[in-house]
Amino acid sequence: MSKPYYLLEFSVSACRFIVEINDLEVLNLAIEDGMSSMLPLNHGIFKSGNQKVKITLDSLNEGVFHLEPSTGFKIIEYSSGHTLEFKNDIKAFTPDFKDNGKKHSYEAQTNFNAIMPYEIASWAEGVNLTDINKLEERLAHFYATVKSLFKRKEYDKIREVFSKKENNIASMMYLDQEQSEARLNSIFQDMENGFEFDDSIVAIPYFLKNGKVVSFRNPLGSPAIKLVNAELGEEIYVELNVMMDKSKMIFEVI
């Protein structure tokens, strides 16, 4: 069975770097200097067909923002197995300037076709959150619950809250049970070794453009679940994106 694995190869400098695939934000990162790396795209691909990628580069301040000559993007296909095997360069693309009236910004958009061996219910099956009564109050309660689980190190309950996300990622990234469980186990191990929940974070529910997903962020745009090890001077961020399933009418982490 073919197991395609798609990556975004990128090189960016001094900007806020935002990547969306199929209208789901998969990266929002402030890059102070330069960064060249690759980002997995599979965890935004829910089924075969046309896949939409959008990249936004915003200035980090009110000054003029100019692209570096090296700024560029490429979608690459690998085959997943015991190791990743290169298959194809899908396409390369570059951003164009967009003046949104508030800050200097650049955008790049492209599409590509993917044939996947799975089909997963996506955020599109969720409720339009803006139609929910007492939404702000319910979101605050949900975040407080998750925050409390991390502070009390209730690992089994954290795993339960993140089960839908982890099951989806296991399918999208072709992980076996041991590999899937290792994702959260690694965080739990860090928490046992000195990483504590950063209680100073102000969590802001940030609506993604589809209106059916809320991402909890701090005022700078980073995930609101932050673990810190003061002795090592290191930080771990945990993405907390939620939707409401139509059949259950409760928040679920995706």
Protein backbone atom coordinates (compact mmCIF):
# COMPACT_ATOMS: atom_id res chain seq x y z
CA MET A 1 0.00 0.00 0.00
CA SER A 2 1.35 3.41 -0.98
CA LYS A 3 1.95 5.74 1.96
CA PRO A 4 2.61 9.22 0.53
CA TYR A 5 4.17 11.71 2.89
CA TYR A 6 4.14 15.38 1.88
CA LEU A 7 6.54 18.01 3.18
CA LEU A 8 6.83 21.76 2.71
CA GLU A 9 10.45 22.80 2.25
CA PHE A 10 10.93 26.44 3.21
CA SER A 11 13.47 29.17 3.74
CA VAL A 12 12.26 32.34 5.50
CA SER A 13 13.74 35.22 7.52
CA ALA A 14 12.59 37.77 10.12
CA CYS A 15 8.82 37.38 9.91
CA ARG A 16 5.75 35.70 11.32
CA PHE A 17 5.44 32.54 9.28
CA ILE A 18 1.93 31.08 8.95
CA VAL A 19 1.14 27.90 7.02
CA GLU A 20 -2.39 26.69 6.29
CA ILE A 21 -3.39 23.53 4.50
CA ASN A 22 -7.02 23.05 3.53
CA ASP A 23 -7.90 26.12 5.64
CA LEU A 24 -6.42 24.57 8.78
CA GLU A 25 -3.47 26.41 10.30
CA VAL A 26 -0.62 23.97 10.90
CA LEU A 27 2.13 26.45 11.81
CA ASN A 28 2.23 29.96 13.25
CA LEU A 29 5.77 30.92 14.21
CA ALA A 30 7.68 34.15 14.85
CA ILE A 31 11.09 33.80 13.22
CA GLU A 32 13.57 36.41 14.42
CA ASP A 33 16.47 35.48 12.16
CA GLY A 34 16.55 32.96 9.32
CA MET A 35 15.22 29.41 9.15
CA SER A 36 15.41 26.70 6.51
CA SER A 37 13.64 23.44 7.22
CA MET A 38 10.81 21.10 6.19
CA LEU A 39 7.29 20.94 7.62
CA PRO A 40 5.04 17.85 7.40
CA LEU A 41 1.76 18.57 5.63
CA ASN A 42 0.00 15.23 6.12
CA HIS A 43 -1.65 16.29 9.37
CA GLY A 44 -3.73 18.75 7.36
CA ILE A 45 -4.66 16.24 4.62
CA PHE A 46 -7.85 14.40 5.51
CA LYS A 47 -8.55 12.56 2.25
CA SER A 48 -7.50 12.15 -1.37
CA GLY A 49 -8.04 14.94 -3.86
CA ASN A 50 -7.07 18.55 -4.30
CA GLN A 51 -5.08 20.02 -1.40
CA LYS A 52 -4.82 23.79 -0.85
CA VAL A 53 -1.74 25.36 0.73
CA LYS A 54 -1.55 28.99 1.82
CA ILE A 55 1.47 30.72 3.32
CA THR A 56 1.47 34.15 4.93
CA LEU A 57 4.58 36.13 5.87
CA ASP A 58 3.86 39.11 8.11
CA SER A 59 6.23 41.75 9.44
CA LEU A 60 7.14 41.34 13.11
CA ASN A 61 6.81 45.07 13.72
CA GLU A 62 5.42 48.18 12.05
CA GLY A 63 8.46 48.69 9.88
CA VAL A 64 8.86 47.89 6.21
CA PHE A 65 9.19 44.20 5.51
CA HIS A 66 11.21 43.00 2.54
CA LEU A 67 11.70 39.42 1.47
CA GLU A 68 15.15 37.92 1.48
CA PRO A 69 16.28 36.62 -1.94
CA SER A 70 16.42 33.11 -0.51
CA THR A 71 12.72 33.08 0.50
CA GLY A 72 10.93 30.25 -1.28
CA PHE A 73 8.85 27.12 -0.88
CA LYS A 74 8.65 23.67 -2.38
CA ILE A 75 6.24 20.78 -1.87
CA ILE A 76 7.99 17.42 -1.89
CA GLU A 77 6.52 13.92 -1.89
CA TYR A 78 8.15 11.08 -0.01
CA SER A 79 7.07 7.49 0.51
CA SER A 80 6.77 6.45 4.13
CA GLY A 81 8.18 3.10 5.28
CA HIS A 82 11.01 2.12 7.57
CA THR A 83 12.62 5.30 6.24
CA LEU A 84 11.36 8.20 4.14
CA GLU A 85 12.10 7.66 0.45
CA PHE A 86 12.13 10.64 -1.90
CA LYS A 87 9.54 10.36 -4.68
CA ASN A 88 8.89 13.70 -6.40
CA ASP A 89 9.33 17.44 -6.30
CA ILE A 90 5.68 18.44 -6.61
CA LYS A 91 6.11 22.16 -7.17
CA ALA A 92 8.09 25.24 -6.15
CA PHE A 93 6.46 28.62 -5.55
CA THR A 94 7.24 32.07 -4.15
CA PRO A 95 5.17 34.71 -2.32
CA ASP A 96 3.77 37.97 -3.66
CA PHE A 97 3.42 41.25 -1.78
CA LYS A 98 0.02 41.98 -0.29
CA ASP A 99 -0.79 45.30 1.36
CA ASN A 100 -3.59 44.61 3.83
CA GLY A 101 -3.61 48.17 5.15
CA LYS A 102 -2.21 47.23 8.54
CA LYS A 103 1.20 45.67 7.99
CA HIS A 104 3.53 44.63 5.25
CA SER A 105 2.62 41.12 4.26
CA TYR A 106 3.36 38.53 1.60
CA GLU A 107 1.22 35.58 0.56
CA ALA A 108 1.81 32.43 -1.43
CA GLN A 109 -0.89 29.95 -2.46
CA THR A 110 -0.80 26.73 -4.41
CA ASN A 111 -2.67 23.47 -4.90
CA PHE A 112 -1.59 19.91 -5.43
CA ASN A 113 -3.30 16.55 -5.85
CA ALA A 114 -2.79 13.77 -3.29
CA ILE A 115 -3.94 10.16 -3.32
CA MET A 116 -4.08 9.02 0.30
CA PRO A 117 -4.72 5.53 1.73
CA TYR A 118 -7.05 6.95 4.38
CA GLU A 119 -10.09 9.21 4.78
CA ILE A 120 -10.64 10.99 8.08
CA ALA A 121 -13.55 13.14 9.23
CA SER A 122 -12.23 16.71 9.24
CA TRP A 123 -13.12 19.97 10.94
CA ALA A 124 -15.59 20.49 8.07
CA GLU A 125 -17.91 18.08 9.89
CA GLY A 126 -17.94 20.33 12.93
CA VAL A 127 -20.40 22.93 14.18
CA ASN A 128 -20.05 26.58 13.25
CA LEU A 129 -18.81 27.76 16.63
CA THR A 130 -20.13 31.29 16.26
CA ASP A 131 -23.65 29.82 16.53
CA ILE A 132 -23.00 28.30 19.99
CA ASN A 133 -24.66 29.90 23.01
CA LYS A 134 -22.31 31.14 25.75
CA LEU A 135 -19.36 30.20 23.54
CA GLU A 136 -16.82 32.40 25.31
CA GLU A 137 -17.77 30.97 28.69
CA ARG A 138 -17.63 27.38 27.42
CA LEU A 139 -14.24 27.90 25.76
CA ALA A 140 -12.84 29.42 28.95
CA HIS A 141 -14.09 26.44 30.95
CA PHE A 142 -12.57 23.98 28.48
CA TYR A 143 -9.18 25.68 28.56
CA ALA A 144 -9.25 25.85 32.37
CA THR A 145 -9.93 22.10 32.47
CA VAL A 146 -7.01 21.26 30.16
CA LYS A 147 -4.73 23.67 32.03
CA SER A 148 -5.64 21.98 35.32
CA LEU A 149 -4.82 18.53 33.91
CA PHE A 150 -1.35 19.69 32.88
CA LYS A 151 -0.71 21.40 36.21
CA ARG A 152 -1.76 18.30 38.17
CA LYS A 153 0.09 16.01 35.71
CA GLU A 154 -2.97 13.81 35.15
CA TYR A 155 -1.44 11.99 32.21
CA ASP A 156 -4.26 9.49 31.56
CA LYS A 157 -6.82 12.29 31.38
CA ILE A 158 -4.57 14.39 29.13
CA ARG A 159 -4.25 11.40 26.79
CA GLU A 160 -8.04 11.06 26.79
CA VAL A 161 -8.56 14.76 25.92
CA PHE A 162 -6.05 14.53 23.05
CA SER A 163 -7.22 11.09 21.83
CA LYS A 164 -8.99 12.27 18.66
CA LYS A 165 -6.01 14.39 17.60
CA GLU A 166 -3.55 11.59 18.31
CA ASN A 167 -5.66 8.98 16.49
CA ASN A 168 -5.92 11.27 13.46
CA ILE A 169 -2.19 11.94 13.43
CA ALA A 170 -1.45 8.23 13.74
CA SER A 171 -3.46 7.62 10.56
CA MET A 172 -2.08 10.63 8.69
CA MET A 173 1.55 9.93 9.61
CA TYR A 174 1.31 6.11 9.37
CA LEU A 175 2.30 5.56 13.02
CA ASP A 176 1.88 2.26 14.81
CA GLN A 177 0.49 2.20 18.35
CA GLU A 178 3.89 2.39 20.00
CA GLN A 179 4.98 5.32 17.85
CA SER A 180 1.67 7.09 18.42
CA GLU A 181 1.80 6.70 22.21
CA ALA A 182 5.41 7.92 22.21
CA ARG A 183 4.32 11.40 21.08
CA LEU A 184 2.56 12.22 24.36
CA ASN A 185 4.82 9.97 26.43
CA SER A 186 7.75 12.17 25.45
CA ILE A 187 5.95 15.25 26.82
CA PHE A 188 4.96 13.39 29.99
CA GLN A 189 8.57 12.34 30.51
CA ASP A 190 9.68 15.95 30.18
CA MET A 191 7.07 16.96 32.75
CA GLU A 192 8.47 14.36 35.13
CA ASN A 193 11.94 15.79 34.54
CA GLY A 194 11.30 19.39 35.49
CA PHE A 195 9.02 20.95 32.86
CA GLU A 196 6.12 22.80 34.48
CA PHE A 197 3.02 24.49 33.10
CA ASP A 198 3.60 28.22 32.58
CA ASP A 199 0.77 29.73 34.60
CA SER A 200 1.56 33.27 33.41
CA ILE A 201 0.16 32.58 29.93
CA VAL A 202 -2.93 34.56 28.91
CA ALA A 203 -4.97 32.21 26.69
CA ILE A 204 -6.85 33.82 23.81
CA PRO A 205 -9.33 31.79 21.71
CA TYR A 206 -8.27 32.52 18.14
CA PHE A 207 -10.84 31.62 15.48
CA LEU A 208 -9.42 30.05 12.37
CA LYS A 209 -10.88 31.23 9.09
CA ASN A 210 -13.21 28.30 8.61
CA GLY A 211 -15.16 29.33 11.73
CA LYS A 212 -15.30 25.76 13.01
CA VAL A 213 -11.96 25.55 14.80
CA VAL A 214 -10.61 27.60 17.71
CA SER A 215 -6.92 27.66 18.53
CA PHE A 216 -5.88 28.73 22.03
CA ARG A 217 -2.93 31.13 21.73
CA ASN A 218 -1.00 33.58 23.84
CA PRO A 219 -1.01 37.30 22.80
CA LEU A 220 2.10 36.75 20.63
CA GLY A 221 0.39 33.99 18.63
CA SER A 222 2.16 30.97 20.15
CA PRO A 223 0.21 28.02 21.64
CA ALA A 224 -1.27 28.74 25.07
CA ILE A 225 -0.11 25.41 26.49
CA LYS A 226 3.51 26.14 27.41
CA LEU A 227 5.79 24.01 29.56
CA VAL A 228 9.02 25.50 30.87
CA ASN A 229 12.14 24.16 32.54
CA ALA A 230 13.68 27.14 34.34
CA GLU A 231 16.87 25.27 35.14
CA LEU A 232 17.53 24.34 31.50
CA GLY A 233 16.04 27.52 30.06
CA GLU A 234 13.92 25.42 27.66
CA GLU A 235 10.29 25.59 26.55
CA ILE A 236 7.77 23.16 25.05
CA TYR A 237 4.59 24.30 23.32
CA VAL A 238 1.54 22.06 22.85
CA GLU A 239 -0.99 23.02 20.17
CA LEU A 240 -4.56 23.19 21.47
CA ASN A 241 -7.03 23.42 18.58
CA VAL A 242 -10.65 22.46 19.20
CA MET A 243 -13.83 21.81 17.24
CA MET A 244 -17.32 20.68 18.23
CA ASP A 245 -18.55 17.46 16.69
CA LYS A 246 -22.16 17.66 15.45
CA SER A 247 -23.09 14.29 16.93
CA LYS A 248 -21.60 14.88 20.41
CA MET A 249 -21.86 18.68 20.83
CA ILE A 250 -18.75 18.76 23.01
CA PHE A 251 -15.32 20.29 22.35
CA GLU A 252 -12.74 17.93 20.93
CA VAL A 253 -9.04 18.57 20.39
CA ILE A 254 -7.98 18.05 16.77
